[in-house]
Amino acid sequence: MTTSAVMTTKFLAALAKTPLQVGIYQPKIERTGDHPSIKIELENDCQQVIFSSQSQVTNYVPWKVTVTQANKTIEYPSDSDLPAQALQIINP
């Protein structure tokens, strides 16, 4: 997928606004036999950030945000739909 610099900037800005919470990620499961999985991976020389979800609801809420920096990994849940909105910016 190719995106413009403007679209990429908007995409990253939307992800950066995602509010994080303290707690354990629990995907929203409403039915059996349906196992969605979505992941956004961002990486630079210093850290890796992964937005992922296995939730079955619209916009995949909640999301799990995993941050790895200097061999230390921390996971945060987020009840925001901003990661899904960010994806719509680059893939409408």
PDB file of N, CA and C in Angstrom:
ATOM      1  N   MET A   1       0.845  -1.167   0.000  1.00  0.00           N
ATOM      2  CA  MET A   1       0.000   0.000   0.000  1.00  0.00           C
ATOM      3  C   MET A   1       0.894   1.234   0.000  1.00  0.00           C
ATOM      4  N   THR A   2       0.596   2.182  -0.849  1.00  0.00           N
ATOM      5  CA  THR A   2       1.337   3.433  -0.918  1.00  0.00           C
ATOM      6  C   THR A   2       0.446   4.565  -0.428  1.00  0.00           C
ATOM      7  N   THR A   3       0.978   5.403   0.447  1.00  0.00           N
ATOM      8  CA  THR A   3       0.223   6.555   0.943  1.00  0.00           C
ATOM      9  C   THR A   3       1.064   7.807   0.789  1.00  0.00           C
ATOM     10  N   SER A   4       0.384   8.933   0.772  1.00  0.00           N
ATOM     11  CA  SER A   4       1.102  10.208   0.684  1.00  0.00           C
ATOM     12  C   SER A   4       1.661  10.575   2.054  1.00  0.00           C
ATOM     13  N   ALA A   5       2.582  11.508   2.064  1.00  0.00           N
ATOM     14  CA  ALA A   5       3.162  11.977   3.328  1.00  0.00           C
ATOM     15  C   ALA A   5       2.091  12.597   4.217  1.00  0.00           C
ATOM     16  N   VAL A   6       1.143  13.304   3.618  1.00  0.00           N
ATOM     17  CA  VAL A   6       0.059  13.934   4.382  1.00  0.00           C
ATOM     18  C   VAL A   6      -0.811  12.871   5.039  1.00  0.00           C
ATOM     19  N   MET A   7      -1.176  11.838   4.278  1.00  0.00           N
ATOM     20  CA  MET A   7      -2.011  10.771   4.831  1.00  0.00           C
ATOM     21  C   MET A   7      -1.260  10.009   5.927  1.00  0.00           C
ATOM     22  N   THR A   8       0.016   9.776   5.726  1.00  0.00           N
ATOM     23  CA  THR A   8       0.814   9.080   6.730  1.00  0.00           C
ATOM     24  C   THR A   8       0.897   9.894   8.015  1.00  0.00           C
ATOM     25  N   THR A   9       1.088  11.194   7.893  1.00  0.00           N
ATOM     26  CA  THR A   9       1.138  12.071   9.064  1.00  0.00           C
ATOM     27  C   THR A   9      -0.187  12.048   9.816  1.00  0.00           C
ATOM     28  N   LYS A  10      -1.298  12.110   9.102  1.00  0.00           N
ATOM     29  CA  LYS A  10      -2.623  12.056   9.748  1.00  0.00           C
ATOM     30  C   LYS A  10      -2.836  10.706  10.433  1.00  0.00           C
ATOM     31  N   PHE A  11      -2.416   9.635   9.781  1.00  0.00           N
ATOM     32  CA  PHE A  11      -2.529   8.290  10.328  1.00  0.00           C
ATOM     33  C   PHE A  11      -1.761   8.187  11.658  1.00  0.00           C
ATOM     34  N   LEU A  12      -0.502   8.615  11.642  1.00  0.00           N
ATOM     35  CA  LEU A  12       0.317   8.550  12.858  1.00  0.00           C
ATOM     36  C   LEU A  12      -0.213   9.468  13.955  1.00  0.00           C
ATOM     37  N   ALA A  13      -0.725  10.630  13.573  1.00  0.00           N
ATOM     38  CA  ALA A  13      -1.293  11.562  14.560  1.00  0.00           C
ATOM     39  C   ALA A  13      -2.518  10.948  15.231  1.00  0.00           C
ATOM     40  N   ALA A  14      -3.351  10.265  14.470  1.00  0.00           N
ATOM     41  CA  ALA A  14      -4.537   9.621  15.042  1.00  0.00           C
ATOM     42  C   ALA A  14      -4.128   8.520  16.018  1.00  0.00           C
ATOM     43  N   LEU A  15      -3.146   7.713  15.634  1.00  0.00           N
ATOM     44  CA  LEU A  15      -2.674   6.663  16.543  1.00  0.00           C
ATOM     45  C   LEU A  15      -2.084   7.250  17.823  1.00  0.00           C
ATOM     46  N   ALA A  16      -1.342   8.340  17.694  1.00  0.00           N
ATOM     47  CA  ALA A  16      -0.697   8.961  18.852  1.00  0.00           C
ATOM     48  C   ALA A  16      -1.708   9.488  19.865  1.00  0.00           C
ATOM     49  N   LYS A  17      -2.907   9.796  19.420  1.00  0.00           N
ATOM     50  CA  LYS A  17      -3.942  10.311  20.317  1.00  0.00           C
ATOM     51  C   LYS A  17      -4.692   9.206  21.057  1.00  0.00           C
ATOM     52  N   THR A  18      -4.422   7.965  20.743  1.00  0.00           N
ATOM     53  CA  THR A  18      -5.140   6.855  21.372  1.00  0.00           C
ATOM     54  C   THR A  18      -4.888   6.849  22.879  1.00  0.00           C
ATOM     55  N   PRO A  19      -5.940   6.985  23.683  1.00  0.00           N
ATOM     56  CA  PRO A  19      -5.751   6.973  25.134  1.00  0.00           C
ATOM     57  C   PRO A  19      -5.459   5.553  25.635  1.00  0.00           C
ATOM     58  N   LEU A  20      -4.513   5.456  26.529  1.00  0.00           N
ATOM     59  CA  LEU A  20      -4.140   4.171  27.114  1.00  0.00           C
ATOM     60  C   LEU A  20      -4.667   4.091  28.536  1.00  0.00           C
ATOM     61  N   GLN A  21      -4.955   2.869  28.965  1.00  0.00           N
ATOM     62  CA  GLN A  21      -5.450   2.651  30.313  1.00  0.00           C
ATOM     63  C   GLN A  21      -4.531   1.665  31.026  1.00  0.00           C
ATOM     64  N   VAL A  22      -4.630   1.617  32.314  1.00  0.00           N
ATOM     65  CA  VAL A  22      -3.927   0.609  33.095  1.00  0.00           C
ATOM     66  C   VAL A  22      -4.888  -0.551  33.273  1.00  0.00           C
ATOM     67  N   GLY A  23      -4.414  -1.744  33.024  1.00  0.00           N
ATOM     68  CA  GLY A  23      -5.281  -2.907  33.190  1.00  0.00           C
ATOM     69  C   GLY A  23      -4.904  -4.014  32.229  1.00  0.00           C
ATOM     70  N   ILE A  24      -5.779  -4.986  32.132  1.00  0.00           N
ATOM     71  CA  ILE A  24      -5.566  -6.161  31.300  1.00  0.00           C
ATOM     72  C   ILE A  24      -6.473  -6.075  30.077  1.00  0.00           C
ATOM     73  N   TYR A  25      -5.919  -6.335  28.905  1.00  0.00           N
ATOM     74  CA  TYR A  25      -6.714  -6.354  27.673  1.00  0.00           C
ATOM     75  C   TYR A  25      -7.647  -7.556  27.686  1.00  0.00           C
ATOM     76  N   GLN A  26      -8.922  -7.305  27.455  1.00  0.00           N
ATOM     77  CA  GLN A  26      -9.928  -8.347  27.326  1.00  0.00           C
ATOM     78  C   GLN A  26     -10.713  -8.071  26.048  1.00  0.00           C
ATOM     79  N   PRO A  27     -10.532  -8.882  24.994  1.00  0.00           N
ATOM     80  CA  PRO A  27     -11.295  -8.626  23.774  1.00  0.00           C
ATOM     81  C   PRO A  27     -12.787  -8.823  24.011  1.00  0.00           C
ATOM     82  N   LYS A  28     -13.577  -8.078  23.271  1.00  0.00           N
ATOM     83  CA  LYS A  28     -15.038  -8.185  23.381  1.00  0.00           C
ATOM     84  C   LYS A  28     -15.485  -9.321  22.464  1.00  0.00           C
ATOM     85  N   ILE A  29     -15.948 -10.396  23.053  1.00  0.00           N
ATOM     86  CA  ILE A  29     -16.395 -11.579  22.314  1.00  0.00           C
ATOM     87  C   ILE A  29     -17.906 -11.688  22.489  1.00  0.00           C
ATOM     88  N   GLU A  30     -18.643 -11.607  21.377  1.00  0.00           N
ATOM     89  CA  GLU A  30     -20.098 -11.650  21.452  1.00  0.00           C
ATOM     90  C   GLU A  30     -20.689 -12.933  20.878  1.00  0.00           C
ATOM     91  N   ARG A  31     -19.871 -13.711  20.140  1.00  0.00           N
ATOM     92  CA  ARG A  31     -20.385 -14.919  19.519  1.00  0.00           C
ATOM     93  C   ARG A  31     -19.225 -15.903  19.329  1.00  0.00           C
ATOM     94  N   THR A  32     -19.548 -17.157  19.144  1.00  0.00           N
ATOM     95  CA  THR A  32     -18.518 -18.163  18.906  1.00  0.00           C
ATOM     96  C   THR A  32     -18.346 -18.385  17.406  1.00  0.00           C
ATOM     97  N   GLY A  33     -17.235 -18.964  17.023  1.00  0.00           N
ATOM     98  CA  GLY A  33     -17.000 -19.288  15.620  1.00  0.00           C
ATOM     99  C   GLY A  33     -16.499 -18.128  14.776  1.00  0.00           C
ATOM    100  N   ASP A  34     -16.229 -16.979  15.390  1.00  0.00           N
ATOM    101  CA  ASP A  34     -15.744 -15.794  14.678  1.00  0.00           C
ATOM    102  C   ASP A  34     -14.518 -15.301  15.424  1.00  0.00           C
ATOM    103  N   HIS A  35     -13.366 -15.312  14.760  1.00  0.00           N
ATOM    104  CA  HIS A  35     -12.111 -14.986  15.438  1.00  0.00           C
ATOM    105  C   HIS A  35     -11.340 -13.911  14.682  1.00  0.00           C
ATOM    106  N   PRO A  36     -11.822 -12.656  14.730  1.00  0.00           N
ATOM    107  CA  PRO A  36     -11.104 -11.592  14.015  1.00  0.00           C
ATOM    108  C   PRO A  36      -9.768 -11.284  14.674  1.00  0.00           C
ATOM    109  N   SER A  37      -8.859 -10.787  13.886  1.00  0.00           N
ATOM    110  CA  SER A  37      -7.559 -10.373  14.392  1.00  0.00           C
ATOM    111  C   SER A  37      -7.036  -9.258  13.498  1.00  0.00           C
ATOM    112  N   ILE A  38      -6.625  -8.167  14.115  1.00  0.00           N
ATOM    113  CA  ILE A  38      -6.099  -7.035  13.365  1.00  0.00           C
ATOM    114  C   ILE A  38      -4.893  -6.489  14.117  1.00  0.00           C
ATOM    115  N   LYS A  39      -3.888  -6.024  13.354  1.00  0.00           N
ATOM    116  CA  LYS A  39      -2.658  -5.554  13.999  1.00  0.00           C
ATOM    117  C   LYS A  39      -2.050  -4.415  13.185  1.00  0.00           C
ATOM    118  N   ILE A  40      -1.604  -3.388  13.898  1.00  0.00           N
ATOM    119  CA  ILE A  40      -0.853  -2.274  13.313  1.00  0.00           C
ATOM    120  C   ILE A  40       0.494  -2.256  14.025  1.00  0.00           C
ATOM    121  N   GLU A  41       1.571  -2.446  13.283  1.00  0.00           N
ATOM    122  CA  GLU A  41       2.911  -2.475  13.882  1.00  0.00           C
ATOM    123  C   GLU A  41       3.717  -1.262  13.429  1.00  0.00           C
ATOM    124  N   LEU A  42       4.295  -0.563  14.392  1.00  0.00           N
ATOM    125  CA  LEU A  42       5.154   0.591  14.129  1.00  0.00           C
ATOM    126  C   LEU A  42       6.492   0.346  14.819  1.00  0.00           C
ATOM    127  N   GLU A  43       7.572   0.639  14.134  1.00  0.00           N
ATOM    128  CA  GLU A  43       8.879   0.374  14.712  1.00  0.00           C
ATOM    129  C   GLU A  43       9.895   1.396  14.220  1.00  0.00           C
ATOM    130  N   ASN A  44      10.767   1.808  15.141  1.00  0.00           N
ATOM    131  CA  ASN A  44      11.927   2.616  14.765  1.00  0.00           C
ATOM    132  C   ASN A  44      13.140   2.046  15.484  1.00  0.00           C
ATOM    133  N   ASP A  45      14.250   2.740  15.477  1.00  0.00           N
ATOM    134  CA  ASP A  45      15.470   2.218  16.101  1.00  0.00           C
ATOM    135  C   ASP A  45      15.358   2.061  17.612  1.00  0.00           C
ATOM    136  N   CYS A  46      14.436   2.796  18.242  1.00  0.00           N
ATOM    137  CA  CYS A  46      14.361   2.826  19.706  1.00  0.00           C
ATOM    138  C   CYS A  46      13.223   2.014  20.308  1.00  0.00           C
ATOM    139  N   GLN A  47      12.122   1.887  19.569  1.00  0.00           N
ATOM    140  CA  GLN A  47      10.981   1.199  20.160  1.00  0.00           C
ATOM    141  C   GLN A  47      10.074   0.601  19.104  1.00  0.00           C
ATOM    142  N   GLN A  48       9.201  -0.278  19.581  1.00  0.00           N
ATOM    143  CA  GLN A  48       8.167  -0.882  18.754  1.00  0.00           C
ATOM    144  C   GLN A  48       6.830  -0.674  19.463  1.00  0.00           C
ATOM    145  N   VAL A  49       5.806  -0.296  18.698  1.00  0.00           N
ATOM    146  CA  VAL A  49       4.463  -0.124  19.237  1.00  0.00           C
ATOM    147  C   VAL A  49       3.521  -0.938  18.353  1.00  0.00           C
ATOM    148  N   ILE A  50       2.725  -1.784  18.990  1.00  0.00           N
ATOM    149  CA  ILE A  50       1.770  -2.623  18.262  1.00  0.00           C
ATOM    150  C   ILE A  50       0.376  -2.355  18.803  1.00  0.00           C
ATOM    151  N   PHE A  51      -0.532  -2.005  17.905  1.00  0.00           N
ATOM    152  CA  PHE A  51      -1.949  -1.885  18.209  1.00  0.00           C
ATOM    153  C   PHE A  51      -2.597  -3.157  17.664  1.00  0.00           C
ATOM    154  N   SER A  52      -3.270  -3.920  18.524  1.00  0.00           N
ATOM    155  CA  SER A  52      -3.887  -5.161  18.058  1.00  0.00           C
ATOM    156  C   SER A  52      -5.232  -5.369  18.733  1.00  0.00           C
ATOM    157  N   SER A  53      -6.064  -6.168  18.076  1.00  0.00           N
ATOM    158  CA  SER A  53      -7.363  -6.474  18.647  1.00  0.00           C
ATOM    159  C   SER A  53      -7.872  -7.806  18.115  1.00  0.00           C
ATOM    160  N   GLN A  54      -8.596  -8.496  18.970  1.00  0.00           N
ATOM    161  CA  GLN A  54      -9.317  -9.705  18.592  1.00  0.00           C
ATOM    162  C   GLN A  54     -10.793  -9.544  18.928  1.00  0.00           C
ATOM    163  N   SER A  55     -11.230  -8.297  19.099  1.00  0.00           N
ATOM    164  CA  SER A  55     -12.616  -8.017  19.455  1.00  0.00           C
ATOM    165  C   SER A  55     -13.533  -8.187  18.246  1.00  0.00           C
ATOM    166  N   GLN A  56     -14.761  -8.581  18.512  1.00  0.00           N
ATOM    167  CA  GLN A  56     -15.726  -8.842  17.462  1.00  0.00           C
ATOM    168  C   GLN A  56     -16.656  -7.658  17.188  1.00  0.00           C
ATOM    169  N   VAL A  57     -16.455  -6.554  17.842  1.00  0.00           N
ATOM    170  CA  VAL A  57     -17.368  -5.425  17.684  1.00  0.00           C
ATOM    171  C   VAL A  57     -16.840  -4.425  16.651  1.00  0.00           C
ATOM    172  N   THR A  58     -17.700  -3.503  16.255  1.00  0.00           N
ATOM    173  CA  THR A  58     -17.328  -2.472  15.301  1.00  0.00           C
ATOM    174  C   THR A  58     -16.097  -1.720  15.786  1.00  0.00           C
ATOM    175  N   ASN A  59     -15.185  -1.460  14.901  1.00  0.00           N
ATOM    176  CA  ASN A  59     -13.935  -0.743  15.177  1.00  0.00           C
ATOM    177  C   ASN A  59     -13.002  -1.490  16.127  1.00  0.00           C
ATOM    178  N   TYR A  60     -13.287  -2.761  16.378  1.00  0.00           N
ATOM    179  CA  TYR A  60     -12.393  -3.664  17.125  1.00  0.00           C
ATOM    180  C   TYR A  60     -12.095  -3.225  18.558  1.00  0.00           C
ATOM    181  N   VAL A  61     -12.966  -2.439  19.151  1.00  0.00           N
ATOM    182  CA  VAL A  61     -12.770  -1.944  20.519  1.00  0.00           C
ATOM    183  C   VAL A  61     -13.064  -3.072  21.502  1.00  0.00           C
ATOM    184  N   PRO A  62     -12.256  -3.272  22.515  1.00  0.00           N
ATOM    185  CA  PRO A  62     -11.045  -2.536  22.874  1.00  0.00           C
ATOM    186  C   PRO A  62      -9.836  -3.015  22.075  1.00  0.00           C
ATOM    187  N   TRP A  63      -8.795  -2.196  22.116  1.00  0.00           N
ATOM    188  CA  TRP A  63      -7.514  -2.493  21.491  1.00  0.00           C
ATOM    189  C   TRP A  63      -6.484  -2.794  22.565  1.00  0.00           C
ATOM    190  N   LYS A  64      -5.490  -3.590  22.206  1.00  0.00           N
ATOM    191  CA  LYS A  64      -4.331  -3.799  23.078  1.00  0.00           C
ATOM    192  C   LYS A  64      -3.173  -3.034  22.444  1.00  0.00           C
ATOM    193  N   VAL A  65      -2.496  -2.221  23.234  1.00  0.00           N
ATOM    194  CA  VAL A  65      -1.341  -1.460  22.758  1.00  0.00           C
ATOM    195  C   VAL A  65      -0.113  -1.987  23.494  1.00  0.00           C
ATOM    196  N   THR A  66       0.814  -2.537  22.726  1.00  0.00           N
ATOM    197  CA  THR A  66       2.021  -3.124  23.290  1.00  0.00           C
ATOM    198  C   THR A  66       3.212  -2.246  22.919  1.00  0.00           C
ATOM    199  N   VAL A  67       3.930  -1.780  23.931  1.00  0.00           N
ATOM    200  CA  VAL A  67       5.087  -0.903  23.717  1.00  0.00           C
ATOM    201  C   VAL A  67       6.328  -1.640  24.203  1.00  0.00           C
ATOM    202  N   THR A  68       7.306  -1.779  23.298  1.00  0.00           N
ATOM    203  CA  THR A  68       8.572  -2.408  23.644  1.00  0.00           C
ATOM    204  C   THR A  68       9.689  -1.403  23.423  1.00  0.00           C
ATOM    205  N   GLN A  69      10.468  -1.177  24.481  1.00  0.00           N
ATOM    206  CA  GLN A  69      11.576  -0.230  24.421  1.00  0.00           C
ATOM    207  C   GLN A  69      12.677  -0.747  25.331  1.00  0.00           C
ATOM    208  N   ALA A  70      13.891  -0.809  24.819  1.00  0.00           N
ATOM    209  CA  ALA A  70      15.051  -1.276  25.591  1.00  0.00           C
ATOM    210  C   ALA A  70      14.766  -2.630  26.249  1.00  0.00           C
ATOM    211  N   ASN A  71      14.230  -3.553  25.462  1.00  0.00           N
ATOM    212  CA  ASN A  71      13.932  -4.920  25.917  1.00  0.00           C
ATOM    213  C   ASN A  71      12.923  -4.994  27.055  1.00  0.00           C
ATOM    214  N   LYS A  72      12.132  -3.952  27.232  1.00  0.00           N
ATOM    215  CA  LYS A  72      11.065  -3.943  28.230  1.00  0.00           C
ATOM    216  C   LYS A  72       9.743  -3.767  27.489  1.00  0.00           C
ATOM    217  N   THR A  73       8.790  -4.643  27.772  1.00  0.00           N
ATOM    218  CA  THR A  73       7.495  -4.603  27.104  1.00  0.00           C
ATOM    219  C   THR A  73       6.386  -4.325  28.108  1.00  0.00           C
ATOM    220  N   ILE A  74       5.516  -3.377  27.754  1.00  0.00           N
ATOM    221  CA  ILE A  74       4.363  -3.035  28.579  1.00  0.00           C
ATOM    222  C   ILE A  74       3.129  -3.075  27.686  1.00  0.00           C
ATOM    223  N   GLU A  75       2.042  -3.665  28.194  1.00  0.00           N
ATOM    224  CA  GLU A  75       0.786  -3.726  27.456  1.00  0.00           C
ATOM    225  C   GLU A  75      -0.268  -2.874  28.144  1.00  0.00           C
ATOM    226  N   TYR A  76      -1.035  -2.164  27.314  1.00  0.00           N
ATOM    227  CA  TYR A  76      -2.109  -1.305  27.797  1.00  0.00           C
ATOM    228  C   TYR A  76      -3.387  -1.619  27.024  1.00  0.00           C
ATOM    229  N   PRO A  77      -4.535  -1.640  27.686  1.00  0.00           N
ATOM    230  CA  PRO A  77      -5.792  -1.685  26.944  1.00  0.00           C
ATOM    231  C   PRO A  77      -6.211  -0.264  26.563  1.00  0.00           C
ATOM    232  N   SER A  78      -7.017  -0.156  25.513  1.00  0.00           N
ATOM    233  CA  SER A  78      -7.603   1.127  25.134  1.00  0.00           C
ATOM    234  C   SER A  78      -9.025   0.898  24.648  1.00  0.00           C
ATOM    235  N   ASP A  79      -9.968   1.637  25.215  1.00  0.00           N
ATOM    236  CA  ASP A  79     -11.367   1.549  24.803  1.00  0.00           C
ATOM    237  C   ASP A  79     -11.694   2.518  23.677  1.00  0.00           C
ATOM    238  N   SER A  80     -10.689   3.056  23.036  1.00  0.00           N
ATOM    239  CA  SER A  80     -10.866   4.038  21.969  1.00  0.00           C
ATOM    240  C   SER A  80     -10.953   3.357  20.610  1.00  0.00           C
ATOM    241  N   ASP A  81     -11.705   3.970  19.696  1.00  0.00           N
ATOM    242  CA  ASP A  81     -11.755   3.467  18.320  1.00  0.00           C
ATOM    243  C   ASP A  81     -10.784   4.228  17.402  1.00  0.00           C
ATOM    244  N   LEU A  82      -9.891   5.036  17.985  1.00  0.00           N
ATOM    245  CA  LEU A  82      -8.940   5.803  17.174  1.00  0.00           C
ATOM    246  C   LEU A  82      -8.038   4.943  16.294  1.00  0.00           C
ATOM    247  N   PRO A  83      -7.570   3.766  16.734  1.00  0.00           N
ATOM    248  CA  PRO A  83      -6.776   2.957  15.806  1.00  0.00           C
ATOM    249  C   PRO A  83      -7.567   2.564  14.530  1.00  0.00           C
ATOM    250  N   ALA A  84      -8.819   2.214  14.703  1.00  0.00           N
ATOM    251  CA  ALA A  84      -9.656   1.875  13.533  1.00  0.00           C
ATOM    252  C   ALA A  84      -9.876   3.107  12.660  1.00  0.00           C
ATOM    253  N   GLN A  85     -10.080   4.258  13.289  1.00  0.00           N
ATOM    254  CA  GLN A  85     -10.229   5.501  12.525  1.00  0.00           C
ATOM    255  C   GLN A  85      -8.947   5.820  11.761  1.00  0.00           C
ATOM    256  N   ALA A  86      -7.793   5.558  12.377  1.00  0.00           N
ATOM    257  CA  ALA A  86      -6.516   5.799  11.709  1.00  0.00           C
ATOM    258  C   ALA A  86      -6.390   4.930  10.456  1.00  0.00           C
ATOM    259  N   LEU A  87      -6.818   3.681  10.565  1.00  0.00           N
ATOM    260  CA  LEU A  87      -6.763   2.810   9.395  1.00  0.00           C
ATOM    261  C   LEU A  87      -7.628   3.331   8.250  1.00  0.00           C
ATOM    262  N   GLN A  88      -8.751   3.945   8.597  1.00  0.00           N
ATOM    263  CA  GLN A  88      -9.630   4.497   7.559  1.00  0.00           C
ATOM    264  C   GLN A  88      -8.973   5.659   6.820  1.00  0.00           C
ATOM    265  N   ILE A  89      -8.043   6.329   7.450  1.00  0.00           N
ATOM    266  CA  ILE A  89      -7.338   7.440   6.798  1.00  0.00           C
ATOM    267  C   ILE A  89      -6.480   6.924   5.639  1.00  0.00           C
ATOM    268  N   ILE A  90      -5.795   5.810   5.865  1.00  0.00           N
ATOM    269  CA  ILE A  90      -4.903   5.299   4.817  1.00  0.00           C
ATOM    270  C   ILE A  90      -5.554   4.245   3.928  1.00  0.00           C
ATOM    271  N   ASN A  91      -6.694   3.729   4.332  1.00  0.00           N
ATOM    272  CA  ASN A  91      -7.391   2.718   3.539  1.00  0.00           C
ATOM    273  C   ASN A  91      -8.902   2.954   3.624  1.00  0.00           C
ATOM    274  N   PRO A  92      -9.350   4.040   2.985  1.00  0.00           N
ATOM    275  CA  PRO A  92     -10.790   4.393   3.104  1.00  0.00           C
ATOM    276  C   PRO A  92     -11.723   3.387   2.462  1.00  0.00           C
TER     277      PRO A  92
END
